[in-house]
Amino acid sequence: MFRFFDRRPKVGVLFVCMGNVCRSPTVEGVFRRHARDAGIDRLLRIDSAGTHARLLNEPADARALRAAARRNYDLKKIRSRQFVERDFSDFHYVLAMDRHNLDAIQALRPAEHPGHVGLLLDFAPGASHREVPDPYYGGPEGFELVLDLAESAMAGLVKELQGRVGRP
């Protein structure tokens, strides 16, 4: 049996929040499924990171795991890591959850980085929020809101990336 491999370079998409245990791993999990459903996941490099990740190589917060599982998103393989300047060479899209994290990303951004650096919800013009609020110190409703906002950005983000990688 012959396999034909797509030799196009992968487009990198990185989701960034503060600790990489609540918001960005949730969005990563949501995006992985939407990219797979759109048939573009194999053309992408998808990851998440935290601007102030203190817990490294840890799973997502248990509350995020439960909320995501209720909507059939799997976050179990995602592990926390620190956002580093090197990420700009691997990721064409660096999407922050809020302005505070966007500022931290911009402070490390090399002048020559040609990619898109912005807020996730720039891809959800009709969303009720412009930033994804941190649910860490709140209750389950905060984790549901993160999922709602993540889902609201998926159509716009997938469409953008389909244009970038070409529809499969």
N, C-alpha and C. Protein backbone atom coordinates (compact mmCIF):
# COMPACT_ATOMS: atom_id res chain seq x y z
N MET A 1 0.84 -1.18 0.00
CA MET A 1 0.00 0.00 0.00
C MET A 1 0.89 1.24 0.00
N PHE A 2 0.55 2.19 -0.87
CA PHE A 2 1.32 3.43 -0.96
C PHE A 2 0.67 4.51 -0.13
N ARG A 3 1.52 5.30 0.49
CA ARG A 3 1.02 6.46 1.23
C ARG A 3 1.59 7.70 0.58
N PHE A 4 0.73 8.66 0.41
CA PHE A 4 1.17 9.93 -0.13
C PHE A 4 1.17 10.93 1.01
N PHE A 5 2.31 11.56 1.20
CA PHE A 5 2.46 12.50 2.31
C PHE A 5 2.42 13.92 1.78
N ASP A 6 1.73 14.74 2.48
CA ASP A 6 1.70 16.16 2.16
C ASP A 6 3.02 16.76 2.64
N ARG A 7 3.77 17.31 1.74
CA ARG A 7 5.09 17.83 2.09
C ARG A 7 5.08 19.33 2.41
N ARG A 8 3.91 19.92 2.43
CA ARG A 8 3.86 21.34 2.79
C ARG A 8 4.31 21.52 4.24
N PRO A 9 5.05 22.60 4.52
CA PRO A 9 5.44 22.83 5.92
C PRO A 9 4.20 23.08 6.77
N LYS A 10 4.26 22.61 7.99
CA LYS A 10 3.13 22.79 8.89
C LYS A 10 3.05 24.23 9.36
N VAL A 11 1.82 24.70 9.50
CA VAL A 11 1.57 26.03 10.05
C VAL A 11 1.38 25.86 11.55
N GLY A 12 2.14 26.61 12.33
CA GLY A 12 2.08 26.49 13.78
C GLY A 12 1.05 27.42 14.40
N VAL A 13 0.26 26.87 15.32
CA VAL A 13 -0.75 27.63 16.05
C VAL A 13 -0.53 27.38 17.54
N LEU A 14 -0.27 28.46 18.28
CA LEU A 14 0.02 28.36 19.71
C LEU A 14 -0.97 29.21 20.49
N PHE A 15 -1.60 28.61 21.50
CA PHE A 15 -2.54 29.30 22.38
C PHE A 15 -1.84 29.59 23.70
N VAL A 16 -1.98 30.82 24.20
CA VAL A 16 -1.21 31.23 25.37
C VAL A 16 -2.10 31.89 26.42
N CYS A 17 -1.96 31.43 27.66
CA CYS A 17 -2.59 32.08 28.81
C CYS A 17 -1.51 32.27 29.87
N MET A 18 -1.90 32.47 31.10
CA MET A 18 -0.91 32.73 32.14
C MET A 18 -0.19 31.46 32.60
N GLY A 19 -0.94 30.48 33.09
CA GLY A 19 -0.31 29.30 33.69
C GLY A 19 -0.31 28.06 32.83
N ASN A 20 -1.05 28.09 31.71
CA ASN A 20 -1.16 26.95 30.82
C ASN A 20 -1.76 25.73 31.51
N VAL A 21 -2.73 25.97 32.41
CA VAL A 21 -3.43 24.85 33.04
C VAL A 21 -4.95 24.97 32.91
N CYS A 22 -5.46 26.12 32.50
CA CYS A 22 -6.92 26.27 32.37
C CYS A 22 -7.32 26.67 30.95
N ARG A 23 -7.09 27.93 30.61
CA ARG A 23 -7.61 28.46 29.35
C ARG A 23 -6.91 27.91 28.11
N SER A 24 -5.60 28.08 28.03
CA SER A 24 -4.93 27.68 26.78
C SER A 24 -4.98 26.18 26.50
N PRO A 25 -4.88 25.30 27.50
CA PRO A 25 -5.04 23.88 27.16
C PRO A 25 -6.47 23.55 26.73
N THR A 26 -7.44 24.25 27.31
CA THR A 26 -8.83 24.05 26.89
C THR A 26 -9.00 24.45 25.44
N VAL A 27 -8.49 25.62 25.09
CA VAL A 27 -8.61 26.09 23.70
C VAL A 27 -7.84 25.18 22.76
N GLU A 28 -6.68 24.71 23.19
CA GLU A 28 -5.93 23.76 22.36
C GLU A 28 -6.76 22.52 22.07
N GLY A 29 -7.40 21.97 23.09
CA GLY A 29 -8.22 20.78 22.90
C GLY A 29 -9.41 21.03 21.99
N VAL A 30 -10.07 22.16 22.17
CA VAL A 30 -11.21 22.52 21.32
C VAL A 30 -10.73 22.68 19.87
N PHE A 31 -9.62 23.39 19.70
CA PHE A 31 -9.12 23.62 18.34
C PHE A 31 -8.66 22.33 17.67
N ARG A 32 -8.02 21.45 18.40
CA ARG A 32 -7.58 20.18 17.80
C ARG A 32 -8.76 19.45 17.17
N ARG A 33 -9.89 19.40 17.89
CA ARG A 33 -11.04 18.69 17.33
C ARG A 33 -11.62 19.41 16.12
N HIS A 34 -11.73 20.73 16.20
CA HIS A 34 -12.29 21.48 15.07
C HIS A 34 -11.36 21.40 13.85
N ALA A 35 -10.06 21.44 14.07
CA ALA A 35 -9.12 21.31 12.95
C ALA A 35 -9.22 19.91 12.34
N ARG A 36 -9.35 18.90 13.18
CA ARG A 36 -9.50 17.52 12.68
C ARG A 36 -10.80 17.40 11.87
N ASP A 37 -11.89 17.95 12.41
CA ASP A 37 -13.17 17.89 11.71
C ASP A 37 -13.12 18.60 10.36
N ALA A 38 -12.29 19.65 10.27
CA ALA A 38 -12.14 20.41 9.02
C ALA A 38 -11.12 19.76 8.08
N GLY A 39 -10.43 18.72 8.56
CA GLY A 39 -9.46 18.02 7.73
C GLY A 39 -8.14 18.73 7.56
N ILE A 40 -7.80 19.66 8.47
CA ILE A 40 -6.54 20.40 8.35
C ILE A 40 -5.56 20.10 9.47
N ASP A 41 -5.93 19.25 10.39
CA ASP A 41 -5.07 19.01 11.57
C ASP A 41 -3.68 18.51 11.21
N ARG A 42 -3.55 17.72 10.17
CA ARG A 42 -2.23 17.18 9.81
C ARG A 42 -1.34 18.22 9.13
N LEU A 43 -1.93 19.36 8.82
CA LEU A 43 -1.16 20.44 8.20
C LEU A 43 -0.74 21.49 9.22
N LEU A 44 -1.07 21.21 10.48
CA LEU A 44 -0.83 22.19 11.54
C LEU A 44 0.06 21.62 12.64
N ARG A 45 0.76 22.50 13.31
CA ARG A 45 1.46 22.20 14.57
C ARG A 45 0.68 22.97 15.62
N ILE A 46 0.07 22.27 16.57
CA ILE A 46 -0.83 22.88 17.55
C ILE A 46 -0.26 22.66 18.95
N ASP A 47 -0.24 23.73 19.75
CA ASP A 47 0.28 23.62 21.11
C ASP A 47 -0.29 24.75 21.95
N SER A 48 0.04 24.72 23.23
CA SER A 48 -0.33 25.80 24.14
C SER A 48 0.81 26.02 25.12
N ALA A 49 0.82 27.20 25.73
CA ALA A 49 1.89 27.55 26.67
C ALA A 49 1.38 28.62 27.62
N GLY A 50 2.17 28.89 28.65
CA GLY A 50 1.82 29.93 29.62
C GLY A 50 2.92 30.96 29.73
N THR A 51 2.53 32.22 29.87
CA THR A 51 3.53 33.29 30.03
C THR A 51 4.17 33.24 31.41
N HIS A 52 3.47 32.68 32.38
CA HIS A 52 3.97 32.57 33.75
C HIS A 52 3.71 31.16 34.28
N ALA A 53 4.05 30.16 33.48
CA ALA A 53 3.76 28.77 33.84
C ALA A 53 4.69 28.31 34.95
N ARG A 54 4.16 28.16 36.13
CA ARG A 54 4.96 27.71 37.27
C ARG A 54 4.93 26.19 37.41
N LEU A 55 3.83 25.60 37.00
CA LEU A 55 3.68 24.14 37.06
C LEU A 55 4.01 23.59 35.67
N LEU A 56 5.21 23.09 35.50
CA LEU A 56 5.64 22.61 34.19
C LEU A 56 5.38 21.13 34.04
N ASN A 57 4.97 20.76 32.82
CA ASN A 57 4.67 19.37 32.46
C ASN A 57 3.54 18.78 33.30
N GLU A 58 2.62 19.63 33.70
CA GLU A 58 1.46 19.20 34.48
C GLU A 58 0.23 19.10 33.58
N PRO A 59 -0.72 18.23 33.91
CA PRO A 59 -1.96 18.17 33.15
C PRO A 59 -2.80 19.42 33.38
N ALA A 60 -3.79 19.58 32.56
CA ALA A 60 -4.74 20.68 32.74
C ALA A 60 -5.43 20.55 34.09
N ASP A 61 -5.89 21.66 34.60
CA ASP A 61 -6.65 21.71 35.85
C ASP A 61 -7.80 20.70 35.77
N ALA A 62 -8.05 20.00 36.86
CA ALA A 62 -9.09 18.95 36.88
C ALA A 62 -10.45 19.51 36.49
N ARG A 63 -10.73 20.75 36.87
CA ARG A 63 -12.02 21.36 36.50
C ARG A 63 -12.11 21.60 35.00
N ALA A 64 -11.01 21.97 34.38
CA ALA A 64 -10.98 22.15 32.93
C ALA A 64 -11.16 20.80 32.23
N LEU A 65 -10.49 19.78 32.75
CA LEU A 65 -10.64 18.43 32.18
C LEU A 65 -12.09 17.97 32.21
N ARG A 66 -12.76 18.18 33.36
CA ARG A 66 -14.16 17.75 33.50
C ARG A 66 -15.08 18.53 32.57
N ALA A 67 -14.92 19.84 32.53
CA ALA A 67 -15.79 20.67 31.67
C ALA A 67 -15.59 20.29 30.21
N ALA A 68 -14.34 20.11 29.79
CA ALA A 68 -14.07 19.74 28.41
C ALA A 68 -14.64 18.36 28.08
N ALA A 69 -14.49 17.42 28.99
CA ALA A 69 -14.99 16.06 28.76
C ALA A 69 -16.51 16.05 28.58
N ARG A 70 -17.21 16.93 29.30
CA ARG A 70 -18.67 17.00 29.14
C ARG A 70 -19.06 17.40 27.72
N ARG A 71 -18.16 18.08 27.02
CA ARG A 71 -18.43 18.47 25.63
C ARG A 71 -17.63 17.61 24.65
N ASN A 72 -17.12 16.51 25.14
CA ASN A 72 -16.37 15.56 24.31
C ASN A 72 -15.06 16.11 23.74
N TYR A 73 -14.40 16.96 24.50
CA TYR A 73 -13.05 17.40 24.16
C TYR A 73 -12.08 16.67 25.08
N ASP A 74 -10.98 16.22 24.53
CA ASP A 74 -10.00 15.47 25.30
C ASP A 74 -8.75 16.31 25.54
N LEU A 75 -8.48 16.63 26.80
CA LEU A 75 -7.31 17.42 27.17
C LEU A 75 -6.25 16.58 27.88
N LYS A 76 -6.48 15.28 28.00
CA LYS A 76 -5.63 14.44 28.86
C LYS A 76 -4.15 14.41 28.47
N LYS A 77 -3.82 14.54 27.21
CA LYS A 77 -2.42 14.46 26.78
C LYS A 77 -1.70 15.80 26.84
N ILE A 78 -2.43 16.86 27.09
CA ILE A 78 -1.83 18.20 27.09
C ILE A 78 -1.09 18.43 28.40
N ARG A 79 0.13 18.93 28.31
CA ARG A 79 0.96 19.22 29.48
C ARG A 79 1.40 20.68 29.45
N SER A 80 1.48 21.27 30.62
CA SER A 80 1.83 22.69 30.72
C SER A 80 3.30 22.93 30.39
N ARG A 81 3.54 24.11 29.84
CA ARG A 81 4.91 24.53 29.56
C ARG A 81 4.97 26.05 29.52
N GLN A 82 6.18 26.56 29.59
CA GLN A 82 6.43 27.99 29.58
C GLN A 82 6.53 28.50 28.14
N PHE A 83 5.91 29.65 27.86
CA PHE A 83 6.10 30.32 26.58
C PHE A 83 7.53 30.88 26.55
N VAL A 84 8.22 30.65 25.45
CA VAL A 84 9.60 31.12 25.32
C VAL A 84 9.77 31.81 23.96
N GLU A 85 10.78 32.64 23.87
CA GLU A 85 11.02 33.39 22.64
C GLU A 85 11.17 32.47 21.43
N ARG A 86 11.75 31.31 21.62
CA ARG A 86 11.93 30.32 20.55
C ARG A 86 10.59 29.94 19.88
N ASP A 87 9.49 30.08 20.62
CA ASP A 87 8.18 29.73 20.05
C ASP A 87 7.87 30.55 18.80
N PHE A 88 8.43 31.74 18.69
CA PHE A 88 8.17 32.55 17.50
C PHE A 88 8.73 31.92 16.23
N SER A 89 9.74 31.08 16.35
CA SER A 89 10.27 30.42 15.16
C SER A 89 9.45 29.18 14.78
N ASP A 90 8.66 28.66 15.72
CA ASP A 90 7.87 27.45 15.46
C ASP A 90 6.40 27.72 15.16
N PHE A 91 5.91 28.89 15.56
CA PHE A 91 4.47 29.14 15.46
C PHE A 91 4.19 30.41 14.68
N HIS A 92 3.34 30.26 13.66
CA HIS A 92 2.94 31.38 12.81
C HIS A 92 1.82 32.19 13.45
N TYR A 93 1.00 31.53 14.25
CA TYR A 93 -0.11 32.17 14.96
C TYR A 93 0.13 31.98 16.45
N VAL A 94 0.25 33.08 17.17
CA VAL A 94 0.40 33.05 18.62
C VAL A 94 -0.78 33.83 19.17
N LEU A 95 -1.72 33.10 19.79
CA LEU A 95 -3.00 33.68 20.19
C LEU A 95 -3.14 33.68 21.70
N ALA A 96 -3.23 34.88 22.25
CA ALA A 96 -3.33 35.07 23.70
C ALA A 96 -4.79 35.08 24.13
N MET A 97 -5.00 34.72 25.39
CA MET A 97 -6.35 34.71 25.94
C MET A 97 -6.78 36.10 26.42
N ASP A 98 -5.83 36.94 26.80
CA ASP A 98 -6.19 38.28 27.29
C ASP A 98 -5.06 39.26 26.99
N ARG A 99 -5.33 40.53 27.21
CA ARG A 99 -4.36 41.58 26.88
C ARG A 99 -3.09 41.49 27.74
N HIS A 100 -3.24 41.09 28.99
CA HIS A 100 -2.07 40.96 29.86
C HIS A 100 -1.07 39.97 29.27
N ASN A 101 -1.57 38.83 28.84
CA ASN A 101 -0.69 37.83 28.23
C ASN A 101 -0.21 38.26 26.85
N LEU A 102 -1.05 38.98 26.12
CA LEU A 102 -0.62 39.50 24.82
C LEU A 102 0.56 40.46 25.00
N ASP A 103 0.49 41.31 26.01
CA ASP A 103 1.60 42.24 26.29
C ASP A 103 2.89 41.47 26.62
N ALA A 104 2.77 40.40 27.40
CA ALA A 104 3.94 39.59 27.74
C ALA A 104 4.54 38.93 26.50
N ILE A 105 3.68 38.49 25.60
CA ILE A 105 4.13 37.88 24.35
C ILE A 105 4.83 38.92 23.48
N GLN A 106 4.19 40.08 23.35
CA GLN A 106 4.75 41.15 22.50
C GLN A 106 6.12 41.59 23.01
N ALA A 107 6.33 41.54 24.32
CA ALA A 107 7.62 41.95 24.89
C ALA A 107 8.76 41.04 24.44
N LEU A 108 8.44 39.79 24.11
CA LEU A 108 9.45 38.83 23.66
C LEU A 108 9.53 38.72 22.14
N ARG A 109 8.58 39.31 21.44
CA ARG A 109 8.46 39.12 19.99
C ARG A 109 9.64 39.75 19.24
N PRO A 110 10.34 38.93 18.46
CA PRO A 110 11.41 39.48 17.63
C PRO A 110 10.82 40.35 16.52
N ALA A 111 11.51 41.39 16.16
CA ALA A 111 11.02 42.31 15.13
C ALA A 111 10.77 41.60 13.81
N GLU A 112 11.54 40.55 13.54
CA GLU A 112 11.42 39.86 12.25
C GLU A 112 10.33 38.78 12.22
N HIS A 113 9.60 38.57 13.31
CA HIS A 113 8.55 37.54 13.31
C HIS A 113 7.41 37.99 12.40
N PRO A 114 7.19 37.25 11.31
CA PRO A 114 6.18 37.68 10.34
C PRO A 114 4.77 37.19 10.66
N GLY A 115 4.63 36.39 11.68
CA GLY A 115 3.35 35.75 11.95
C GLY A 115 2.32 36.65 12.60
N HIS A 116 1.19 36.04 12.90
CA HIS A 116 0.07 36.73 13.53
C HIS A 116 0.17 36.57 15.04
N VAL A 117 0.22 37.68 15.74
CA VAL A 117 0.19 37.67 17.20
C VAL A 117 -1.00 38.52 17.60
N GLY A 118 -1.94 37.93 18.35
CA GLY A 118 -3.14 38.67 18.73
C GLY A 118 -3.94 37.91 19.76
N LEU A 119 -5.17 38.35 19.92
CA LEU A 119 -6.09 37.71 20.86
C LEU A 119 -6.88 36.62 20.15
N LEU A 120 -7.14 35.53 20.84
CA LEU A 120 -7.96 34.45 20.29
C LEU A 120 -9.29 34.99 19.79
N LEU A 121 -9.92 35.84 20.59
CA LEU A 121 -11.27 36.27 20.25
C LEU A 121 -11.32 37.30 19.13
N ASP A 122 -10.17 37.65 18.56
CA ASP A 122 -10.18 38.42 17.31
C ASP A 122 -10.83 37.59 16.21
N PHE A 123 -10.84 36.28 16.36
CA PHE A 123 -11.45 35.39 15.38
C PHE A 123 -12.92 35.13 15.67
N ALA A 124 -13.47 35.81 16.66
CA ALA A 124 -14.89 35.67 17.03
C ALA A 124 -15.50 37.06 17.16
N PRO A 125 -15.69 37.75 16.04
CA PRO A 125 -16.15 39.14 16.12
C PRO A 125 -17.49 39.31 16.82
N GLY A 126 -18.32 38.30 16.84
CA GLY A 126 -19.63 38.40 17.49
C GLY A 126 -19.65 37.94 18.93
N ALA A 127 -18.50 37.60 19.48
CA ALA A 127 -18.45 37.06 20.85
C ALA A 127 -18.85 38.10 21.88
N SER A 128 -19.34 37.62 23.00
CA SER A 128 -19.79 38.49 24.09
C SER A 128 -18.62 39.12 24.83
N HIS A 129 -17.42 38.61 24.65
CA HIS A 129 -16.21 39.11 25.31
C HIS A 129 -15.13 39.36 24.27
N ARG A 130 -14.15 40.16 24.62
CA ARG A 130 -12.98 40.36 23.76
C ARG A 130 -11.78 39.57 24.29
N GLU A 131 -11.87 39.17 25.56
CA GLU A 131 -10.82 38.40 26.20
C GLU A 131 -11.44 37.18 26.86
N VAL A 132 -10.66 36.13 27.00
CA VAL A 132 -11.12 34.92 27.69
C VAL A 132 -10.72 35.06 29.16
N PRO A 133 -11.71 35.22 30.05
CA PRO A 133 -11.37 35.43 31.47
C PRO A 133 -10.81 34.17 32.12
N ASP A 134 -9.92 34.39 33.08
CA ASP A 134 -9.27 33.28 33.79
C ASP A 134 -10.25 32.68 34.79
N PRO A 135 -10.58 31.38 34.66
CA PRO A 135 -11.53 30.75 35.57
C PRO A 135 -10.90 30.17 36.84
N TYR A 136 -9.59 30.28 36.99
CA TYR A 136 -8.87 29.54 38.01
C TYR A 136 -9.44 29.71 39.42
N TYR A 137 -9.76 30.93 39.81
CA TYR A 137 -10.23 31.17 41.18
C TYR A 137 -11.75 31.15 41.31
N GLY A 138 -12.44 30.76 40.25
CA GLY A 138 -13.90 30.75 40.28
C GLY A 138 -14.47 29.34 40.30
N GLY A 139 -15.73 29.26 39.97
CA GLY A 139 -16.43 27.99 39.97
C GLY A 139 -16.55 27.39 38.59
N PRO A 140 -17.36 26.34 38.47
CA PRO A 140 -17.49 25.61 37.20
C PRO A 140 -18.00 26.47 36.05
N GLU A 141 -18.79 27.50 36.38
CA GLU A 141 -19.34 28.35 35.31
C GLU A 141 -18.23 29.06 34.54
N GLY A 142 -17.12 29.36 35.19
CA GLY A 142 -15.99 29.99 34.50
C GLY A 142 -15.37 29.09 33.45
N PHE A 143 -15.31 27.80 33.74
CA PHE A 143 -14.75 26.84 32.79
C PHE A 143 -15.71 26.63 31.62
N GLU A 144 -17.00 26.69 31.90
CA GLU A 144 -17.99 26.61 30.81
C GLU A 144 -17.88 27.83 29.90
N LEU A 145 -17.66 29.01 30.49
CA LEU A 145 -17.50 30.23 29.69
C LEU A 145 -16.26 30.13 28.80
N VAL A 146 -15.18 29.60 29.33
CA VAL A 146 -13.97 29.41 28.51
C VAL A 146 -14.30 28.55 27.30
N LEU A 147 -15.02 27.47 27.51
CA LEU A 147 -15.41 26.60 26.39
C LEU A 147 -16.32 27.33 25.41
N ASP A 148 -17.29 28.07 25.92
CA ASP A 148 -18.19 28.83 25.03
C ASP A 148 -17.40 29.80 24.16
N LEU A 149 -16.49 30.54 24.78
CA LEU A 149 -15.71 31.52 24.03
C LEU A 149 -14.76 30.85 23.05
N ALA A 150 -14.15 29.75 23.46
CA ALA A 150 -13.27 29.01 22.55
C ALA A 150 -14.06 28.54 21.33
N GLU A 151 -15.22 27.97 21.57
CA GLU A 151 -16.04 27.48 20.46
C GLU A 151 -16.46 28.62 19.54
N SER A 152 -16.68 29.81 20.11
CA SER A 152 -17.11 30.95 19.28
C SER A 152 -16.02 31.41 18.32
N ALA A 153 -14.77 31.12 18.63
CA ALA A 153 -13.65 31.54 17.78
C ALA A 153 -13.28 30.50 16.73
N MET A 154 -13.79 29.30 16.84
CA MET A 154 -13.32 28.21 15.99
C MET A 154 -13.64 28.40 14.52
N ALA A 155 -14.84 28.83 14.18
CA ALA A 155 -15.19 28.98 12.76
C ALA A 155 -14.26 29.97 12.08
N GLY A 156 -14.03 31.12 12.72
CA GLY A 156 -13.16 32.12 12.13
C GLY A 156 -11.72 31.67 12.03
N LEU A 157 -11.23 31.00 13.06
CA LEU A 157 -9.85 30.54 13.05
C LEU A 157 -9.64 29.42 12.04
N VAL A 158 -10.55 28.47 12.00
CA VAL A 158 -10.43 27.38 11.03
C VAL A 158 -10.48 27.93 9.60
N LYS A 159 -11.37 28.88 9.35
CA LYS A 159 -11.47 29.48 8.01
C LYS A 159 -10.16 30.17 7.63
N GLU A 160 -9.60 30.93 8.56
CA GLU A 160 -8.31 31.59 8.33
C GLU A 160 -7.23 30.57 7.97
N LEU A 161 -7.18 29.48 8.71
CA LEU A 161 -6.13 28.49 8.49
C LEU A 161 -6.38 27.66 7.24
N GLN A 162 -7.63 27.43 6.89
CA GLN A 162 -7.90 26.74 5.64
C GLN A 162 -7.38 27.57 4.47
N GLY A 163 -7.53 28.88 4.57
CA GLY A 163 -6.98 29.76 3.54
C GLY A 163 -5.47 29.72 3.51
N ARG A 164 -4.87 29.58 4.65
CA ARG A 164 -3.40 29.57 4.75
C ARG A 164 -2.80 28.26 4.24
N VAL A 165 -3.40 27.13 4.59
CA VAL A 165 -2.83 25.83 4.21
C VAL A 165 -3.46 25.28 2.94
N GLY A 166 -4.52 25.91 2.47
CA GLY A 166 -5.25 25.36 1.34
C GLY A 166 -6.20 24.30 1.83
N ARG A 167 -7.39 24.29 1.33
CA ARG A 167 -8.36 23.30 1.79
C ARG A 167 -7.91 21.92 1.35
N PRO A 168 -7.95 20.96 2.29
CA PRO A 168 -7.52 19.60 1.92
C PRO A 168 -8.51 18.93 0.98
